[in-house]
Protein backbone atom coordinates (compact mmCIF):
# COMPACT_ATOMS: atom_id res chain seq x y z
CA MET A 1 103.18 127.30 78.29
CA GLY A 2 99.62 127.12 76.97
CA ASN A 3 100.69 124.66 74.23
CA LYS A 4 102.30 122.26 76.69
CA ILE A 5 100.74 118.88 77.50
CA GLY A 6 100.64 117.27 80.94
CA LEU A 7 101.38 113.78 82.25
CA LYS A 8 97.77 112.65 81.77
CA GLU A 9 97.83 113.57 78.07
CA ALA A 10 101.20 111.88 77.52
CA VAL A 11 100.01 108.66 79.20
CA SER A 12 96.86 108.83 77.05
CA ILE A 13 99.00 109.07 73.90
CA GLY A 14 100.88 105.91 74.94
CA ILE A 15 97.78 103.96 75.96
CA GLY A 16 95.86 105.15 72.90
CA GLY A 17 98.75 104.09 70.65
CA MET A 18 98.89 100.61 72.17
CA VAL A 19 95.20 99.92 72.75
CA GLY A 20 94.39 100.80 69.17
CA GLY A 21 93.19 98.08 66.90
CA GLY A 22 95.94 95.64 67.92
CA ILE A 23 94.18 93.77 70.72
CA PHE A 24 91.03 93.35 68.63
CA ALA A 25 93.04 92.10 65.66
CA VAL A 26 95.47 89.66 67.28
CA LEU A 27 93.80 88.20 70.39
CA GLY A 28 92.39 85.19 68.52
CA LEU A 29 95.74 84.65 66.82
CA ALA A 30 97.51 84.70 70.21
CA VAL A 31 95.14 82.05 71.63
CA SER A 32 95.62 79.83 68.57
CA LEU A 33 99.39 79.89 69.19
CA ALA A 34 99.62 79.86 73.01
CA LYS A 35 96.29 78.25 74.08
CA GLY A 36 95.94 78.40 77.90
CA GLY A 37 99.26 80.24 78.15
CA THR A 38 97.95 83.26 76.23
CA PRO A 39 98.18 85.57 79.32
CA ILE A 40 101.87 84.54 79.62
CA ALA A 41 102.43 85.31 75.92
CA PHE A 42 101.07 88.82 76.48
CA LEU A 43 103.27 89.16 79.59
CA ILE A 44 106.41 88.14 77.63
CA ALA A 45 105.67 90.70 74.91
CA GLY A 46 104.90 93.30 77.59
CA ILE A 47 108.23 92.74 79.38
CA ILE A 48 110.12 93.42 76.13
CA ALA A 49 108.07 96.59 75.63
CA LEU A 50 108.73 97.68 79.24
CA VAL A 51 112.51 97.15 79.02
CA THR A 52 112.59 98.95 75.66
CA SER A 53 110.63 101.87 77.12
CA TYR A 54 113.62 102.50 79.45
CA SER A 55 115.75 103.30 76.38
CA TYR A 56 112.97 105.52 75.07
CA VAL A 57 112.82 107.39 78.40
CA LYS A 58 116.55 108.15 78.40
CA LEU A 59 116.74 109.03 74.70
CA SER A 60 113.56 111.17 74.88
CA LEU A 61 115.03 113.22 77.73
CA ALA A 62 118.39 113.66 75.99
CA TYR A 63 117.03 114.27 72.47
CA PRO A 64 113.47 115.65 72.71
CA ASP A 65 112.26 115.90 69.13
CA ARG A 66 108.99 115.44 67.24
CA GLY A 67 110.85 112.98 65.00
CA GLY A 68 110.90 110.54 67.95
CA THR A 69 112.27 107.16 66.83
CA VAL A 70 113.66 108.60 63.56
CA LYS A 71 115.70 111.14 65.56
CA PHE A 72 117.07 108.49 67.98
CA ILE A 73 118.24 106.21 65.17
CA ASN A 74 119.95 109.09 63.37
CA VAL A 75 121.64 110.19 66.61
CA GLY A 76 122.98 106.67 67.12
CA PHE A 77 124.15 105.88 63.59
CA GLY A 78 124.35 109.22 61.78
CA LYS A 79 122.55 109.68 58.48
CA SER A 80 123.88 106.43 57.04
CA ILE A 81 122.53 103.64 54.85
CA PHE A 82 121.82 101.63 58.01
CA SER A 83 119.87 104.40 59.79
CA GLY A 84 118.02 105.21 56.57
CA GLY A 85 117.10 101.55 56.08
CA ILE A 86 115.77 101.24 59.64
CA ASN A 87 113.82 104.49 59.30
CA ASN A 88 112.33 103.24 56.03
CA LEU A 89 111.36 100.08 57.92
CA LEU A 90 109.62 102.27 60.52
CA TRP A 91 107.49 103.88 57.81
CA ILE A 92 106.65 100.52 56.25
CA SER A 93 105.85 99.12 59.72
CA TYR A 94 103.33 101.94 60.19
CA ILE A 95 101.76 100.86 56.89
CA ILE A 96 101.69 97.24 58.10
CA MET A 97 99.95 98.38 61.30
CA LEU A 98 97.40 100.22 59.17
CA ALA A 99 96.75 97.02 57.23
CA LEU A 100 96.35 95.14 60.53
CA TYR A 101 93.82 97.65 61.87
CA ALA A 102 91.92 97.71 58.56
CA SER A 103 91.85 93.90 58.50
CA ALA A 104 90.41 93.87 62.04
CA PHE A 105 87.79 96.46 61.06
CA GLY A 106 86.84 94.31 58.07
CA SER A 107 86.48 91.22 60.30
CA TYR A 108 84.29 92.94 62.93
CA ALA A 109 82.12 95.12 60.66
CA PRO A 110 79.91 92.33 59.18
CA ASN A 111 78.98 91.27 62.74
CA LEU A 112 76.94 94.44 63.20
CA TRP A 113 74.49 93.06 60.66
CA GLU A 114 74.73 89.55 62.22
CA ILE A 115 76.65 88.29 59.19
CA THR A 116 79.23 86.15 60.95
CA THR A 117 80.22 84.04 57.93
CA ASN A 118 83.29 86.26 57.46
CA ASN A 119 82.94 86.23 53.70
CA ALA A 120 86.39 87.20 52.38
CA THR A 121 84.95 89.61 49.80
CA ASP A 122 82.88 91.45 52.45
CA THR A 123 85.94 91.70 54.73
CA HIS A 124 88.08 93.21 51.95
CA ILE A 125 85.33 95.68 50.99
CA TYR A 126 84.97 96.92 54.58
CA SER A 127 88.76 97.02 55.09
CA SER A 128 89.35 99.03 51.92
CA ALA A 129 86.40 101.37 52.52
CA ILE A 130 87.56 102.36 56.01
CA VAL A 131 91.09 103.16 54.76
CA ILE A 132 89.68 105.36 52.00
CA PHE A 133 87.28 107.07 54.44
CA ALA A 134 90.02 107.72 57.02
CA THR A 135 92.32 109.08 54.30
CA ALA A 136 89.58 111.50 53.23
CA ILE A 137 89.21 112.69 56.85
CA ASN A 138 92.98 113.24 57.11
CA TYR A 139 92.84 115.35 53.97
CA TYR A 140 89.77 117.23 55.12
CA SER A 141 90.90 118.24 58.62
CA ILE A 142 93.71 117.21 60.97
CA LYS A 143 91.70 118.75 63.84
CA ILE A 144 88.96 116.17 63.24
CA VAL A 145 91.59 113.39 63.42
CA GLY A 146 92.64 114.71 66.86
CA LYS A 147 89.05 114.96 68.12
CA ILE A 148 88.27 111.39 66.96
CA GLU A 149 91.33 110.17 68.89
CA ASP A 150 90.33 112.03 72.07
CA TYR A 151 86.84 110.52 72.15
CA ALA A 152 87.87 107.08 70.89
CA VAL A 153 90.49 106.55 73.62
CA VAL A 154 87.90 107.21 76.34
CA ILE A 155 85.16 105.08 74.72
CA LYS A 156 87.32 102.03 74.03
CA LEU A 157 88.91 102.09 77.50
CA ILE A 158 85.51 102.35 79.24
CA ILE A 159 84.18 99.41 77.19
CA LEU A 160 87.31 97.26 77.63
CA ILE A 161 87.52 97.92 81.39
CA GLY A 162 83.80 97.12 81.64
CA PHE A 163 84.42 93.89 79.71
CA VAL A 164 87.22 92.99 82.14
CA ILE A 165 85.20 93.69 85.30
CA ILE A 166 82.08 91.82 84.12
CA GLY A 167 84.23 89.05 82.63
CA LEU A 168 86.19 88.43 85.83
CA TYR A 169 82.92 88.28 87.78
CA GLY A 170 81.47 85.82 85.25
CA LEU A 171 84.49 83.50 85.36
CA LYS A 172 83.38 81.95 88.66
CA ASP A 173 80.52 80.21 86.82
CA SER A 174 82.48 79.36 83.66
CA SER A 175 82.98 75.74 82.64
CA ASN A 176 86.04 76.75 80.54
CA LEU A 177 88.18 77.98 83.43
CA GLU A 178 90.34 74.83 83.36
CA GLN A 179 91.62 75.89 79.93
CA LEU A 180 93.93 78.29 81.79
CA ALA A 181 95.55 75.38 83.66
CA PHE A 182 99.28 74.82 83.14
CA SER A 183 98.50 71.53 81.35
CA ASN A 184 96.85 73.55 78.56
CA TRP A 185 99.83 75.86 78.00
CA GLU A 186 101.83 75.40 74.83
CA ALA A 187 105.59 74.73 74.95
CA PRO A 188 107.80 77.68 76.04
CA ILE A 189 108.94 78.38 72.45
CA GLN A 190 105.26 78.57 71.40
CA LEU A 191 104.50 80.97 74.25
CA LEU A 192 107.43 83.14 73.18
CA THR A 193 106.37 83.01 69.53
CA GLY A 194 102.75 83.72 70.46
CA GLY A 195 103.92 86.78 72.38
CA MET A 196 106.08 87.95 69.48
CA VAL A 197 103.44 87.50 66.76
CA ILE A 198 101.14 89.77 68.76
CA PHE A 199 103.95 92.16 69.81
CA VAL A 200 102.32 94.70 67.47
CA ALA A 201 99.67 95.20 70.18
CA TYR A 202 102.34 96.98 72.28
CA GLU A 203 104.28 99.03 69.73
CA GLY A 204 102.30 102.26 70.21
CA PHE A 205 104.16 103.41 73.35
CA GLU A 206 106.86 104.83 71.07
CA LEU A 207 104.42 107.59 70.03
CA ILE A 208 105.10 109.26 73.39
CA ALA A 209 108.56 110.17 72.03
CA ASN A 210 107.01 112.45 69.41
CA SER A 211 105.30 114.55 72.11
CA VAL A 212 108.16 114.90 74.61
CA SER A 213 109.24 118.33 73.29
CA ASP A 214 105.75 119.60 74.25
CA LEU A 215 105.58 117.90 77.67
CA GLU A 216 105.55 119.85 80.94
CA ASN A 217 108.31 119.04 83.44
CA PRO A 218 109.89 116.33 81.23
CA GLU A 219 112.48 115.13 83.78
CA LYS A 220 109.67 114.03 86.07
CA ASN A 221 106.91 113.21 83.58
CA VAL A 222 108.71 111.39 80.75
CA PRO A 223 109.57 108.26 82.82
CA LYS A 224 106.09 108.23 84.35
CA ALA A 225 104.40 108.60 80.96
CA TYR A 226 106.20 105.59 79.44
CA PHE A 227 106.11 103.29 82.45
CA TYR A 228 102.52 104.05 83.52
CA ALA A 229 101.25 103.53 79.96
CA VAL A 230 103.11 100.25 79.36
CA LEU A 231 102.35 98.77 82.80
CA PHE A 232 98.65 99.62 82.50
CA VAL A 233 98.42 98.01 79.06
CA ILE A 234 100.31 94.86 80.18
CA PHE A 235 97.81 94.44 83.01
CA LEU A 236 94.82 95.14 80.74
CA TYR A 237 95.94 92.67 78.05
CA ILE A 238 96.70 89.89 80.55
CA VAL A 239 93.26 90.22 82.17
CA ILE A 240 91.54 90.36 78.75
CA ALA A 241 93.40 87.16 77.78
CA ILE A 242 92.36 85.45 81.07
CA VAL A 243 88.70 86.42 80.57
CA THR A 244 88.69 85.31 76.92
CA VAL A 245 90.35 81.91 77.47
CA GLY A 246 88.29 81.31 80.62
CA SER A 247 84.99 82.20 78.93
CA LEU A 248 85.09 80.38 75.59
CA PRO A 249 86.11 76.84 74.57
CA PHE A 250 89.18 76.72 72.33
CA SER A 251 87.03 75.44 69.45
CA LYS A 252 84.81 78.53 69.63
CA ILE A 253 87.85 80.83 69.84
CA ALA A 254 89.28 79.20 66.71
CA GLU A 255 85.95 79.55 64.91
CA ALA A 256 85.69 83.26 65.74
CA GLU A 257 89.45 83.97 65.62
CA ASP A 258 89.19 87.31 63.78
CA TYR A 259 86.49 88.74 66.10
CA VAL A 260 87.07 86.69 69.25
CA LEU A 261 86.78 89.58 71.74
CA ALA A 262 83.17 90.17 70.69
CA GLU A 263 82.44 86.45 70.96
CA ALA A 264 83.97 86.39 74.47
CA ALA A 265 81.36 88.93 75.64
CA LYS A 266 78.47 86.63 74.69
CA PRO A 267 78.60 84.22 77.68
CA MET A 268 78.28 87.18 80.07
CA LEU A 269 76.07 89.65 78.20
CA GLY A 270 74.58 87.71 75.30
CA GLN A 271 74.04 89.39 71.92
CA VAL A 272 74.07 92.85 73.55
CA GLY A 273 77.63 92.27 74.81
CA PHE A 274 78.66 90.93 71.39
CA THR A 275 77.33 94.10 69.74
CA ILE A 276 78.92 96.45 72.30
CA ILE A 277 82.37 94.92 71.83
CA THR A 278 81.90 94.93 68.05
CA VAL A 279 81.12 98.66 68.19
CA ALA A 280 84.19 99.20 70.44
CA ALA A 281 86.33 97.31 67.92
CA LEU A 282 85.05 99.42 65.03
CA ILE A 283 85.60 102.70 66.92
CA SER A 284 89.02 101.55 68.09
CA THR A 285 90.30 100.32 64.74
CA PHE A 286 88.88 103.36 62.92
CA SER A 287 90.58 105.79 65.33
CA ALA A 288 93.83 103.78 65.09
CA ILE A 289 93.71 103.96 61.27
CA ASN A 290 93.08 107.72 61.45
CA ALA A 291 95.96 108.38 63.84
CA THR A 292 98.41 105.99 62.14
CA LEU A 293 97.75 107.51 58.70
CA TYR A 294 98.65 110.87 60.20
CA GLY A 295 101.72 109.45 61.98
CA GLY A 296 102.90 107.45 58.95
CA SER A 297 102.76 110.46 56.63
CA ARG A 298 104.79 112.48 59.18
CA VAL A 299 107.42 109.71 59.43
CA SER A 300 107.92 109.72 55.65
CA TYR A 301 108.22 113.53 55.77
CA GLU A 302 110.85 113.37 58.56
CA ILE A 303 112.89 110.73 56.71
CA ALA A 304 112.84 112.76 53.48
CA GLU A 305 113.73 115.95 55.39
CA ASP A 306 116.77 114.11 56.77
CA ASP A 307 117.74 113.22 53.18
CA GLU A 308 117.26 109.49 53.71
CA LEU A 309 114.52 109.36 51.06
CA PRO A 310 113.95 111.62 48.03
CA HIS A 311 113.24 115.23 49.02
CA GLU A 312 110.07 115.08 46.91
CA LEU A 313 108.40 113.35 49.89
CA THR A 314 108.46 116.69 51.72
CA SER A 315 106.11 118.13 49.06
CA THR A 316 102.37 118.37 49.64
CA PHE A 317 99.26 117.11 47.88
CA TRP A 318 95.96 118.79 48.84
CA ASN A 319 97.78 120.56 51.71
CA GLN A 320 99.03 117.33 53.27
CA PRO A 321 102.42 115.56 52.91
CA ILE A 322 102.48 113.40 49.77
CA GLY A 323 103.42 110.55 52.13
CA LEU A 324 99.78 110.43 53.29
CA LEU A 325 98.57 109.38 49.82
CA ILE A 326 101.44 106.89 49.36
CA THR A 327 100.81 105.44 52.84
CA ALA A 328 97.09 104.97 52.08
CA ILE A 329 97.72 103.33 48.68
CA LEU A 330 100.31 100.89 50.10
CA THR A 331 97.93 100.05 52.97
CA LEU A 332 95.18 99.16 50.48
CA VAL A 333 97.61 96.89 48.62
CA LEU A 334 98.75 95.07 51.78
CA VAL A 335 95.32 94.59 53.36
CA ASN A 336 93.99 93.05 50.15
CA LEU A 337 96.98 90.81 49.50
CA LEU A 338 97.97 89.39 52.90
CA GLU A 339 96.26 87.24 55.55
CA LEU A 340 95.97 88.54 59.13
CA GLU A 341 98.74 86.29 60.50
CA SER A 342 101.19 87.38 57.79
CA ILE A 343 100.38 91.07 58.44
CA SER A 344 100.83 90.62 62.19
CA THR A 345 104.09 88.69 61.77
CA ALA A 346 105.52 91.30 59.39
CA GLY A 347 104.57 94.11 61.81
CA SER A 348 106.11 92.33 64.79
CA VAL A 349 109.36 91.53 62.94
CA GLY A 350 109.60 95.17 61.83
CA PHE A 351 109.04 96.68 65.27
CA LEU A 352 111.27 94.17 67.07
CA LEU A 353 114.15 95.11 64.75
CA ILE A 354 113.41 98.83 65.18
CA PHE A 355 113.28 98.47 68.99
CA ALA A 356 116.48 96.38 68.97
CA THR A 357 118.13 99.30 67.14
CA VAL A 358 116.76 101.91 69.58
CA ASN A 359 117.93 99.79 72.54
CA PHE A 360 121.37 99.55 70.95
CA VAL A 361 121.45 103.36 70.60
CA GLY A 362 120.49 103.57 74.29
CA TYR A 363 123.41 101.25 75.12
CA LYS A 364 125.82 103.09 72.80
CA LYS A 365 124.91 106.51 74.21
CA ALA A 366 124.40 105.30 77.81
CA THR A 367 126.92 107.71 79.35
CA LYS A 368 125.60 110.71 77.46
CA VAL A 369 121.92 109.97 78.17
CA LYS A 370 122.61 108.95 81.80
CA ALA A 371 121.35 105.38 81.38
CA LYS A 372 122.44 102.19 83.14
CA LYS A 373 124.20 100.37 80.31
CA ALA A 374 122.90 96.94 81.27
CA ILE A 375 119.20 97.75 80.74
CA PRO A 376 119.36 98.92 77.08
CA PHE A 377 121.73 96.02 76.35
CA ILE A 378 119.26 93.53 77.87
CA GLY A 379 116.51 95.19 75.80
CA PHE A 380 118.64 94.81 72.66
CA LEU A 381 119.30 91.11 73.39
CA LEU A 382 115.63 90.42 74.18
CA CYS A 383 114.50 92.02 70.90
CA VAL A 384 117.12 90.12 68.87
CA ILE A 385 116.33 86.76 70.54
CA ALA A 386 112.59 87.36 70.16
CA SER A 387 113.05 88.26 66.47
CA LEU A 388 115.06 85.11 65.79
CA ALA A 389 112.59 82.90 67.71
CA LEU A 390 109.69 84.41 65.77
CA ILE A 391 111.40 84.00 62.39
CA ILE A 392 112.54 80.40 63.04
CA GLN A 393 109.24 79.17 64.50
CA GLN A 394 106.96 80.97 62.05
CA TYR A 395 109.03 79.85 59.07
CA SER A 396 107.77 76.29 59.59
CA SER A 397 104.10 77.25 60.07
CA ASN A 398 103.84 80.49 58.09
CA PRO A 399 106.69 80.59 55.54
CA LEU A 400 104.91 83.16 53.37
CA GLY A 401 104.56 85.58 56.31
CA ILE A 402 108.25 85.29 57.20
CA SER A 403 109.36 85.55 53.56
CA ILE A 404 107.32 88.75 53.20
CA SER A 405 108.67 90.10 56.52
CA LEU A 406 112.31 89.52 55.58
CA GLY A 407 111.66 90.72 52.03
CA ILE A 408 110.31 94.01 53.39
CA VAL A 409 113.39 94.49 55.60
CA ILE A 410 115.77 93.79 52.70
CA ILE A 411 113.85 96.10 50.32
CA CYS A 412 114.02 98.95 52.89
CA PHE A 413 117.82 98.73 52.90
CA ILE A 414 118.13 98.27 49.12
CA ILE A 415 116.02 101.40 48.54
CA GLU A 416 118.27 103.36 50.92
CA PHE A 417 121.47 101.99 49.35
CA VAL A 418 120.32 102.80 45.81
CA TYR A 419 119.12 106.28 46.82
CA LYS A 420 122.31 107.19 48.73
CA ARG A 421 124.69 105.65 46.19
CA TYR A 422 123.16 106.87 42.93
CA PHE A 423 120.33 109.38 43.24
CA LYS A 424 121.48 111.56 46.12
CA LYS A 425 124.92 112.06 44.56
CA SER A 426 123.49 113.11 41.24
CA SER A 427 120.92 115.48 42.77
């Protein structure tokens, strides 16, 4: 019983997973797409996350396992080429999230030295350095990774909640409040697309699934853990979006797109506020990189253990799964090759497809997991519609991002097909 975790810890895992580096990375991107309707874009994305969390609740209770999402997909589709391809996509989506967090760190870091020119070389140096540093910490001590997460969750939430409270108070004197008016909202399809591009800011709730087997009184606490975490983050993101759009003119938001949250603190707290939010962003993105490196290496291990990738991925290098080194190397490649919008789009496409699959498993196993069939099915439809809307709309404005996203999905399935058809048989 001493190794069990309580409701508070489970909610913290969900909130910590969502309020990682995502909000710092994609807020400016969301405003550029949705303008005054940015709070609505965050609400749309949040609703999809909330409906999907219902499937996670039911599947977590029926199949408590540290494999989490990997386990649910294998339960729904067996150890097939399809399940293997989706699980490969989960691992790659973790790597994409790492690239997103590292990109955000690289955008915020120069601001500490008041270098706000966002020189591309400086950004890439900071982004690469933090990935290498976090990888070294993961190799040195997993306990340190856990301690960093514990402190980082508290620090970033205190700073963000403080930002929200002071920001809401400051809005009464803001000359930019009319930017939130309905007349400044983008068209509905743009609001939907804006919400889907930044959907990556919500994906972390699925980490709760990995801890369910260690949770006290799961029947009571599992639903609370998911729903409390997702509802809190929806509220937090919407209020952050309101404060940001109400505090800064759109031109300033566009100018500071990659570090807009720090810029939004300036009207209320001046340079001190800018620095505080910059520090929060650096702590947040660093802790997210640390935790996601750990999680990504475990996902690759689980997939290989289930014989959906070569068994060599269960081997270790410096007492850690070899997947940790591969995850770090692939992250360095992505963060130095892709722009922020392409990284965010690829991450959102990946997680929407993964969540569509989990919702479908929830629908398929509804009787066994004691779920109301309609809710997982609605979740499945929402994820599919959102994926299609994102792909169609972004293809016209960001064809490279969509081509990369679809290419990644196809490669994940090709790798699984080739492995199952040729290598697994001969091994």
